[in-house]
Amino acid sequence: MNRFILFFHKTGSPPWFYRFAGKLIPWLWAGFVLLVVAGLYLGLFRAPPDYQQGESVRIMYLHVPAAWMSLLIYALMAVMGFIALVWRIRIMEILMISSAPVGAAFTLIALVTGSLWGRPAWGTYWVWDARLTSELVLLFLYIGVIALFNAYDEPRKAARAASLMAIVGAVNLPIIHFSVLWWNTLHQGSSISMSGNSIDASMLWPLLLMAGAFKFFYGANLLGRARLRLLKQDHRKHWVEELFN
C-alpha cells in the first residue's frame, strides 16, 4: 500500500492519532520558538525602516504572516470538512473544528495590526476597503463555524454542519486574495508572488521566518486542541482508560 494512503488510514484511528500527535507537538513548539525568535530579532532590530513608512513598517512582520495564516487555515478547514463529509473520518472533523479558534485568532491579529499599520499609512484606522471588509467577513465565518458547531449536542452532527459551512465560506478566500486586483482599494498589492518579489532580502527573510513560525504554532496548537477534544469525546472508551492506567 502507498505510504501516504497508509498514513491517511492510520489517522482514522483515535489511539494512533493521539500518540502520533503527542510525539509531534514538542518538535512543533521547538520549531516555533526558534523561528519566532530569529524572525523577531531580524525584523525588529536588523531590518531597515521603510523609506516611506519608517519604523511603522515593522508591523508587517506580524500582520502579513497572520493574514497569510488566516487564509491558509480556512482553506485547510474547507479541505478537512470535505474529507469529513465524504469519507466520514472523525479525526478530520476534530481537526477541522479545532482549527477554527486558531484561524479566528490569526484573523483578529491581522485585522488589529492592519488597523494599527493603516493609521500612519492612510491616516485612519479603518476604511471599508475591499480587502479589509472581506477579511472581516472571514473573521465572522470563523465565528460562525464555531457557533454552529456549539449549537448541536451531538459532536458528529455538529461537525457535519460546521464542515458544510466551512466549505461554503471558502468562496470568500479568492475574494480576499484578488480584491486588490479586482477593485480600486487603499490596500497595497502583494510584494511577494510567484513571478518575483518587490521587497528587499533584509525585509524578506524575517517575513518568511515569521510565516514559518506561525505555521509551526498552528500545527502545535491544532494537535494539542485535537488531542483534548478527542479525549473529551472518547473519555468512556477502552483506549482512553488504558491510557491513564
C-alpha atoms as a PDB file:
ATOM      1  CA  MET A   1       0.000   0.000   0.000  1.00  0.00           C
ATOM      2  CA  ASN A   2       1.179   3.518  -0.790  1.00  0.00           C
ATOM      3  CA  ARG A   3       2.754   5.108   2.293  1.00  0.00           C
ATOM      4  CA  PHE A   4       0.612   8.231   2.040  1.00  0.00           C
ATOM      5  CA  ILE A   5      -2.576   6.176   1.790  1.00  0.00           C
ATOM      6  CA  LEU A   6      -1.437   4.047   4.731  1.00  0.00           C
ATOM      7  CA  PHE A   7      -0.726   7.185   6.795  1.00  0.00           C
ATOM      8  CA  PHE A   8      -4.126   8.605   5.801  1.00  0.00           C
ATOM      9  CA  HIS A   9      -5.858   5.449   7.022  1.00  0.00           C
ATOM     10  CA  LYS A  10      -3.871   5.439  10.273  1.00  0.00           C
ATOM     11  CA  THR A  11      -5.119   8.937  11.111  1.00  0.00           C
ATOM     12  CA  GLY A  12      -8.587   7.427  11.347  1.00  0.00           C
ATOM     13  CA  SER A  13      -7.510   5.502  14.444  1.00  0.00           C
ATOM     14  CA  PRO A  14      -8.003   7.677  17.575  1.00  0.00           C
ATOM     15  CA  PRO A  15      -5.340   5.884  19.684  1.00  0.00           C
ATOM     16  CA  TRP A  16      -2.755   6.065  16.892  1.00  0.00           C
ATOM     17  CA  PHE A  17      -3.514   9.736  16.188  1.00  0.00           C
ATOM     18  CA  TYR A  18      -3.326  10.625  19.881  1.00  0.00           C
ATOM     19  CA  ARG A  19       0.116   9.019  20.278  1.00  0.00           C
ATOM     20  CA  PHE A  20       1.445  10.400  16.973  1.00  0.00           C
ATOM     21  CA  ALA A  21       0.286  13.938  17.759  1.00  0.00           C
ATOM     22  CA  GLY A  22       1.815  13.721  21.224  1.00  0.00           C
ATOM     23  CA  LYS A  23       5.217  12.880  19.737  1.00  0.00           C
ATOM     24  CA  LEU A  24       4.996  15.655  17.141  1.00  0.00           C
ATOM     25  CA  ILE A  25       3.829  18.549  19.343  1.00  0.00           C
ATOM     26  CA  PRO A  26       7.145  19.186  21.203  1.00  0.00           C
ATOM     27  CA  TRP A  27       9.019  19.412  17.899  1.00  0.00           C
ATOM     28  CA  LEU A  28       6.481  21.855  16.521  1.00  0.00           C
ATOM     29  CA  TRP A  29       6.755  24.075  19.608  1.00  0.00           C
ATOM     30  CA  ALA A  30      10.558  23.953  19.373  1.00  0.00           C
ATOM     31  CA  GLY A  31      10.400  24.964  15.705  1.00  0.00           C
ATOM     32  CA  PHE A  32       8.045  27.808  16.559  1.00  0.00           C
ATOM     33  CA  VAL A  33      10.312  29.195  19.303  1.00  0.00           C
ATOM     34  CA  LEU A  34      13.443  29.062  17.139  1.00  0.00           C
ATOM     35  CA  LEU A  35      11.811  30.692  14.124  1.00  0.00           C
ATOM     36  CA  VAL A  36       9.883  33.358  16.027  1.00  0.00           C
ATOM     37  CA  VAL A  37      12.995  34.444  17.972  1.00  0.00           C
ATOM     38  CA  ALA A  38      15.038  34.659  14.767  1.00  0.00           C
ATOM     39  CA  GLY A  39      12.238  36.382  12.852  1.00  0.00           C
ATOM     40  CA  LEU A  40      11.529  38.989  15.534  1.00  0.00           C
ATOM     41  CA  TYR A  41      15.222  39.729  16.028  1.00  0.00           C
ATOM     42  CA  LEU A  42      15.820  40.256  12.320  1.00  0.00           C
ATOM     43  CA  GLY A  43      12.542  42.112  11.794  1.00  0.00           C
ATOM     44  CA  LEU A  44      12.736  44.445  14.791  1.00  0.00           C
ATOM     45  CA  PHE A  45      16.475  45.048  15.105  1.00  0.00           C
ATOM     46  CA  ARG A  46      18.257  44.165  11.855  1.00  0.00           C
ATOM     47  CA  ALA A  47      15.852  45.030   9.034  1.00  0.00           C
ATOM     48  CA  PRO A  48      15.980  48.673   7.915  1.00  0.00           C
ATOM     49  CA  PRO A  49      12.996  51.045   8.222  1.00  0.00           C
ATOM     50  CA  ASP A  50      10.983  51.672   5.085  1.00  0.00           C
ATOM     51  CA  TYR A  51      11.913  54.800   3.130  1.00  0.00           C
ATOM     52  CA  GLN A  52       8.265  55.939   3.117  1.00  0.00           C
ATOM     53  CA  GLN A  53       6.656  54.367   6.194  1.00  0.00           C
ATOM     54  CA  GLY A  54       9.646  54.498   8.515  1.00  0.00           C
ATOM     55  CA  GLU A  55       9.610  52.300  11.634  1.00  0.00           C
ATOM     56  CA  SER A  56       5.876  51.582  11.357  1.00  0.00           C
ATOM     57  CA  VAL A  57       6.649  49.074   8.602  1.00  0.00           C
ATOM     58  CA  ARG A  58       7.815  46.630  11.288  1.00  0.00           C
ATOM     59  CA  ILE A  59       4.152  45.839  11.980  1.00  0.00           C
ATOM     60  CA  MET A  60       4.405  43.939   8.685  1.00  0.00           C
ATOM     61  CA  TYR A  61       6.273  41.096  10.383  1.00  0.00           C
ATOM     62  CA  LEU A  62       3.165  40.288  12.415  1.00  0.00           C
ATOM     63  CA  HIS A  63       0.437  41.498  10.082  1.00  0.00           C
ATOM     64  CA  VAL A  64       1.411  39.788   6.832  1.00  0.00           C
ATOM     65  CA  PRO A  65       2.125  36.282   8.240  1.00  0.00           C
ATOM     66  CA  ALA A  66      -1.064  36.461  10.328  1.00  0.00           C
ATOM     67  CA  ALA A  67      -3.067  37.419   7.223  1.00  0.00           C
ATOM     68  CA  TRP A  68      -1.494  34.542   5.279  1.00  0.00           C
ATOM     69  CA  MET A  69      -2.371  32.129   8.083  1.00  0.00           C
ATOM     70  CA  SER A  70      -5.969  33.356   8.258  1.00  0.00           C
ATOM     71  CA  LEU A  71      -6.445  32.302   4.621  1.00  0.00           C
ATOM     72  CA  LEU A  72      -4.402  29.099   4.833  1.00  0.00           C
ATOM     73  CA  ILE A  73      -6.181  27.767   7.923  1.00  0.00           C
ATOM     74  CA  TYR A  74      -9.638  28.401   6.482  1.00  0.00           C
ATOM     75  CA  ALA A  75      -8.629  26.685   3.238  1.00  0.00           C
ATOM     76  CA  LEU A  76      -7.409  23.693   5.254  1.00  0.00           C
ATOM     77  CA  MET A  77     -10.671  23.708   7.213  1.00  0.00           C
ATOM     78  CA  ALA A  78     -12.628  23.530   3.963  1.00  0.00           C
ATOM     79  CA  VAL A  79     -10.488  20.602   2.755  1.00  0.00           C
ATOM     80  CA  MET A  80     -10.775  18.768   6.078  1.00  0.00           C
ATOM     81  CA  GLY A  81     -14.502  19.468   6.142  1.00  0.00           C
ATOM     82  CA  PHE A  82     -14.864  17.991   2.651  1.00  0.00           C
ATOM     83  CA  ILE A  83     -12.933  14.866   3.662  1.00  0.00           C
ATOM     84  CA  ALA A  84     -15.035  14.576   6.820  1.00  0.00           C
ATOM     85  CA  LEU A  85     -18.298  14.807   4.871  1.00  0.00           C
ATOM     86  CA  VAL A  86     -17.293  12.420   2.077  1.00  0.00           C
ATOM     87  CA  TRP A  87     -15.320   9.754   3.970  1.00  0.00           C
ATOM     88  CA  ARG A  88     -16.786  10.328   7.464  1.00  0.00           C
ATOM     89  CA  ILE A  89     -13.338  10.352   9.127  1.00  0.00           C
ATOM     90  CA  ARG A  90     -13.905  11.563  12.670  1.00  0.00           C
ATOM     91  CA  ILE A  91     -10.322  12.791  13.156  1.00  0.00           C
ATOM     92  CA  MET A  92     -10.838  15.159  10.224  1.00  0.00           C
ATOM     93  CA  GLU A  93     -13.966  16.514  11.906  1.00  0.00           C
ATOM     94  CA  ILE A  94     -11.965  17.126  15.071  1.00  0.00           C
ATOM     95  CA  LEU A  95      -9.079  18.762  13.193  1.00  0.00           C
ATOM     96  CA  MET A  96     -11.486  20.979  11.262  1.00  0.00           C
ATOM     97  CA  ILE A  97     -13.259  22.382  14.308  1.00  0.00           C
ATOM     98  CA  SER A  98     -10.007  22.563  16.311  1.00  0.00           C
ATOM     99  CA  SER A  99      -8.555  24.771  13.569  1.00  0.00           C
ATOM    100  CA  ALA A 100     -11.324  27.361  13.820  1.00  0.00           C
ATOM    101  CA  PRO A 101     -10.257  29.139  17.059  1.00  0.00           C
ATOM    102  CA  VAL A 102      -6.639  29.334  15.867  1.00  0.00           C
ATOM    103  CA  GLY A 103      -7.704  30.711  12.491  1.00  0.00           C
ATOM    104  CA  ALA A 104     -10.015  33.230  14.154  1.00  0.00           C
ATOM    105  CA  ALA A 105      -7.140  34.408  16.367  1.00  0.00           C
ATOM    106  CA  PHE A 106      -4.842  34.917  13.375  1.00  0.00           C
ATOM    107  CA  THR A 107      -7.598  36.781  11.523  1.00  0.00           C
ATOM    108  CA  LEU A 108      -8.144  39.071  14.510  1.00  0.00           C
ATOM    109  CA  ILE A 109      -4.386  39.713  14.734  1.00  0.00           C
ATOM    110  CA  ALA A 110      -4.322  40.547  11.022  1.00  0.00           C
ATOM    111  CA  LEU A 111      -7.223  42.995  11.404  1.00  0.00           C
ATOM    112  CA  VAL A 112      -5.832  44.707  14.532  1.00  0.00           C
ATOM    113  CA  THR A 113      -2.269  45.020  13.244  1.00  0.00           C
ATOM    114  CA  GLY A 114      -3.610  46.126   9.863  1.00  0.00           C
ATOM    115  CA  SER A 115      -5.575  48.904  11.574  1.00  0.00           C
ATOM    116  CA  LEU A 116      -2.512  49.993  13.539  1.00  0.00           C
ATOM    117  CA  TRP A 117      -0.455  49.980  10.355  1.00  0.00           C
ATOM    118  CA  GLY A 118      -3.177  51.823   8.464  1.00  0.00           C
ATOM    119  CA  ARG A 119      -3.217  54.774  10.863  1.00  0.00           C
ATOM    120  CA  PRO A 120       0.208  56.178   9.824  1.00  0.00           C
ATOM    121  CA  ALA A 121      -0.080  54.911   6.241  1.00  0.00           C
ATOM    122  CA  TRP A 122      -3.655  56.027   5.413  1.00  0.00           C
ATOM    123  CA  GLY A 123      -4.408  58.485   8.199  1.00  0.00           C
ATOM    124  CA  THR A 124      -7.186  56.299   9.627  1.00  0.00           C
ATOM    125  CA  TYR A 125      -7.517  53.023  11.497  1.00  0.00           C
ATOM    126  CA  TRP A 126     -10.261  51.624   9.295  1.00  0.00           C
ATOM    127  CA  VAL A 127     -11.820  52.088   5.885  1.00  0.00           C
ATOM    128  CA  TRP A 128     -14.447  49.903   4.251  1.00  0.00           C
ATOM    129  CA  ASP A 129     -11.849  48.766   1.762  1.00  0.00           C
ATOM    130  CA  ALA A 130     -12.500  45.566  -0.220  1.00  0.00           C
ATOM    131  CA  ARG A 131      -9.529  43.738   1.326  1.00  0.00           C
ATOM    132  CA  LEU A 132     -10.293  44.854   4.889  1.00  0.00           C
ATOM    133  CA  THR A 133     -14.015  44.177   4.583  1.00  0.00           C
ATOM    134  CA  SER A 134     -13.564  40.685   3.111  1.00  0.00           C
ATOM    135  CA  GLU A 135     -11.020  39.872   5.850  1.00  0.00           C
ATOM    136  CA  LEU A 136     -13.584  40.983   8.442  1.00  0.00           C
ATOM    137  CA  VAL A 137     -16.116  38.679   6.767  1.00  0.00           C
ATOM    138  CA  LEU A 138     -13.577  35.877   7.184  1.00  0.00           C
ATOM    139  CA  LEU A 139     -13.487  36.519  10.935  1.00  0.00           C
ATOM    140  CA  PHE A 140     -17.294  36.272  11.021  1.00  0.00           C
ATOM    141  CA  LEU A 141     -17.089  32.989   9.081  1.00  0.00           C
ATOM    142  CA  TYR A 142     -14.691  31.547  11.654  1.00  0.00           C
ATOM    143  CA  ILE A 143     -17.010  32.649  14.462  1.00  0.00           C
ATOM    144  CA  GLY A 144     -19.980  31.224  12.558  1.00  0.00           C
ATOM    145  CA  VAL A 145     -18.310  27.803  12.194  1.00  0.00           C
ATOM    146  CA  ILE A 146     -17.530  27.728  15.925  1.00  0.00           C
ATOM    147  CA  ALA A 147     -21.039  28.887  16.880  1.00  0.00           C
ATOM    148  CA  LEU A 148     -22.723  26.379  14.554  1.00  0.00           C
ATOM    149  CA  PHE A 149     -20.658  23.521  15.973  1.00  0.00           C
ATOM    150  CA  ASN A 150     -21.560  24.506  19.537  1.00  0.00           C
ATOM    151  CA  ALA A 151     -25.259  24.745  18.636  1.00  0.00           C
ATOM    152  CA  TYR A 152     -25.514  20.934  18.462  1.00  0.00           C
ATOM    153  CA  ASP A 153     -25.284  18.500  21.351  1.00  0.00           C
ATOM    154  CA  GLU A 154     -24.141  15.562  19.213  1.00  0.00           C
ATOM    155  CA  PRO A 155     -20.481  16.067  18.079  1.00  0.00           C
ATOM    156  CA  ARG A 156     -20.739  14.177  14.768  1.00  0.00           C
ATOM    157  CA  LYS A 157     -23.850  16.073  13.665  1.00  0.00           C
ATOM    158  CA  ALA A 158     -22.257  19.343  14.808  1.00  0.00           C
ATOM    159  CA  ALA A 159     -19.093  18.602  12.845  1.00  0.00           C
ATOM    160  CA  ARG A 160     -21.039  17.856   9.656  1.00  0.00           C
ATOM    161  CA  ALA A 161     -22.941  21.143   9.885  1.00  0.00           C
ATOM    162  CA  ALA A 162     -19.763  23.113  10.633  1.00  0.00           C
ATOM    163  CA  SER A 163     -17.904  21.346   7.805  1.00  0.00           C
ATOM    164  CA  LEU A 164     -20.588  22.331   5.315  1.00  0.00           C
ATOM    165  CA  MET A 165     -20.399  25.957   6.439  1.00  0.00           C
ATOM    166  CA  ALA A 166     -16.599  25.913   6.159  1.00  0.00           C
ATOM    167  CA  ILE A 167     -16.832  24.617   2.583  1.00  0.00           C
ATOM    168  CA  VAL A 168     -19.433  27.198   1.536  1.00  0.00           C
ATOM    169  CA  GLY A 169     -17.499  30.014   3.225  1.00  0.00           C
ATOM    170  CA  ALA A 170     -14.366  29.180   1.233  1.00  0.00           C
ATOM    171  CA  VAL A 171     -15.812  31.267  -1.618  1.00  0.00           C
ATOM    172  CA  ASN A 172     -14.588  34.298   0.345  1.00  0.00           C
ATOM    173  CA  LEU A 173     -10.918  33.282   0.057  1.00  0.00           C
ATOM    174  CA  PRO A 174     -10.352  34.244  -3.602  1.00  0.00           C
ATOM    175  CA  ILE A 175     -12.271  37.464  -2.942  1.00  0.00           C
ATOM    176  CA  ILE A 176      -9.770  38.374  -0.216  1.00  0.00           C
ATOM    177  CA  HIS A 177      -6.768  37.374  -2.300  1.00  0.00           C
ATOM    178  CA  PHE A 178      -7.766  39.117  -5.529  1.00  0.00           C
ATOM    179  CA  SER A 179      -9.577  42.098  -4.004  1.00  0.00           C
ATOM    180  CA  VAL A 180      -6.649  44.463  -4.629  1.00  0.00           C
ATOM    181  CA  LEU A 181      -6.741  43.482  -8.321  1.00  0.00           C
ATOM    182  CA  TRP A 182     -10.498  43.434  -8.858  1.00  0.00           C
ATOM    183  CA  TRP A 183     -11.285  46.725  -7.107  1.00  0.00           C
ATOM    184  CA  ASN A 184      -9.648  50.091  -6.551  1.00  0.00           C
ATOM    185  CA  THR A 185      -8.514  49.684  -2.931  1.00  0.00           C
ATOM    186  CA  LEU A 186      -6.260  51.504  -0.492  1.00  0.00           C
ATOM    187  CA  HIS A 187      -4.600  48.230   0.466  1.00  0.00           C
ATOM    188  CA  GLN A 188      -1.341  47.699  -1.365  1.00  0.00           C
ATOM    189  CA  GLY A 189      -0.822  44.730  -3.644  1.00  0.00           C
ATOM    190  CA  SER A 190       1.282  41.705  -2.803  1.00  0.00           C
ATOM    191  CA  SER A 191       5.037  42.300  -2.569  1.00  0.00           C
ATOM    192  CA  ILE A 192       5.732  38.557  -2.856  1.00  0.00           C
ATOM    193  CA  SER A 193       4.448  36.459  -5.742  1.00  0.00           C
ATOM    194  CA  MET A 194       5.406  33.555  -7.979  1.00  0.00           C
ATOM    195  CA  SER A 195       6.635  35.985 -10.620  1.00  0.00           C
ATOM    196  CA  GLY A 196       9.055  37.766  -8.278  1.00  0.00           C
ATOM    197  CA  ASN A 197       9.455  39.875  -5.159  1.00  0.00           C
ATOM    198  CA  SER A 198       9.466  43.648  -4.786  1.00  0.00           C
ATOM    199  CA  ILE A 199      10.841  43.512  -1.261  1.00  0.00           C
ATOM    200  CA  ASP A 200      14.494  43.641  -0.243  1.00  0.00           C
ATOM    201  CA  ALA A 201      16.093  40.474   1.157  1.00  0.00           C
ATOM    202  CA  SER A 202      16.758  42.199   4.504  1.00  0.00           C
ATOM    203  CA  MET A 203      12.978  42.511   4.931  1.00  0.00           C
ATOM    204  CA  LEU A 204      12.022  39.312   3.133  1.00  0.00           C
ATOM    205  CA  TRP A 205      13.907  36.888   5.377  1.00  0.00           C
ATOM    206  CA  PRO A 206      12.364  37.961   8.703  1.00  0.00           C
ATOM    207  CA  LEU A 207       8.957  37.928   6.998  1.00  0.00           C
ATOM    208  CA  LEU A 208       9.463  34.352   5.816  1.00  0.00           C
ATOM    209  CA  LEU A 209      10.812  33.280   9.205  1.00  0.00           C
ATOM    210  CA  MET A 210       7.735  34.690  10.932  1.00  0.00           C
ATOM    211  CA  ALA A 211       5.497  32.979   8.376  1.00  0.00           C
ATOM    212  CA  GLY A 212       7.228  29.678   9.143  1.00  0.00           C
ATOM    213  CA  ALA A 213       6.956  30.294  12.901  1.00  0.00           C
ATOM    214  CA  PHE A 214       3.217  30.890  12.637  1.00  0.00           C
ATOM    215  CA  LYS A 215       2.797  27.610  10.733  1.00  0.00           C
ATOM    216  CA  PHE A 216       4.619  25.713  13.473  1.00  0.00           C
ATOM    217  CA  PHE A 217       2.447  27.477  16.048  1.00  0.00           C
ATOM    218  CA  TYR A 218      -0.686  26.457  14.185  1.00  0.00           C
ATOM    219  CA  GLY A 219       0.455  22.844  13.947  1.00  0.00           C
ATOM    220  CA  ALA A 220       1.312  22.574  17.645  1.00  0.00           C
ATOM    221  CA  ASN A 221      -1.835  24.358  18.774  1.00  0.00           C
ATOM    222  CA  LEU A 222      -4.040  22.374  16.411  1.00  0.00           C
ATOM    223  CA  LEU A 223      -2.733  18.991  17.528  1.00  0.00           C
ATOM    224  CA  GLY A 224      -2.949  19.957  21.198  1.00  0.00           C
ATOM    225  CA  ARG A 225      -6.571  21.070  20.802  1.00  0.00           C
ATOM    226  CA  ALA A 226      -7.416  17.975  18.756  1.00  0.00           C
ATOM    227  CA  ARG A 227      -5.978  15.640  21.398  1.00  0.00           C
ATOM    228  CA  LEU A 228      -8.028  17.312  24.135  1.00  0.00           C
ATOM    229  CA  ARG A 229     -11.213  17.196  22.051  1.00  0.00           C
ATOM    230  CA  LEU A 230     -10.573  13.550  21.203  1.00  0.00           C
ATOM    231  CA  LEU A 231     -10.162  12.680  24.894  1.00  0.00           C
ATOM    232  CA  LYS A 232     -13.363  14.552  25.720  1.00  0.00           C
ATOM    233  CA  GLN A 233     -15.350  12.646  23.084  1.00  0.00           C
ATOM    234  CA  ASP A 234     -13.828   9.223  23.898  1.00  0.00           C
ATOM    235  CA  HIS A 235     -13.457   9.529  27.670  1.00  0.00           C
ATOM    236  CA  ARG A 236     -15.596   6.420  28.244  1.00  0.00           C
ATOM    237  CA  LYS A 237     -13.822   4.265  25.663  1.00  0.00           C
ATOM    238  CA  HIS A 238     -11.393   1.492  26.468  1.00  0.00           C
ATOM    239  CA  TRP A 239      -8.324   3.025  24.802  1.00  0.00           C
ATOM    240  CA  VAL A 240      -8.622   6.159  26.944  1.00  0.00           C
ATOM    241  CA  GLU A 241      -8.965   4.087  30.104  1.00  0.00           C
ATOM    242  CA  GLU A 242      -5.827   2.153  29.148  1.00  0.00           C
ATOM    243  CA  LEU A 243      -4.006   5.418  28.508  1.00  0.00           C
ATOM    244  CA  PHE A 244      -4.370   6.593  32.106  1.00  0.00           C
ATOM    245  CA  ASN A 245      -3.979   3.207  33.821  1.00  0.00           C
END
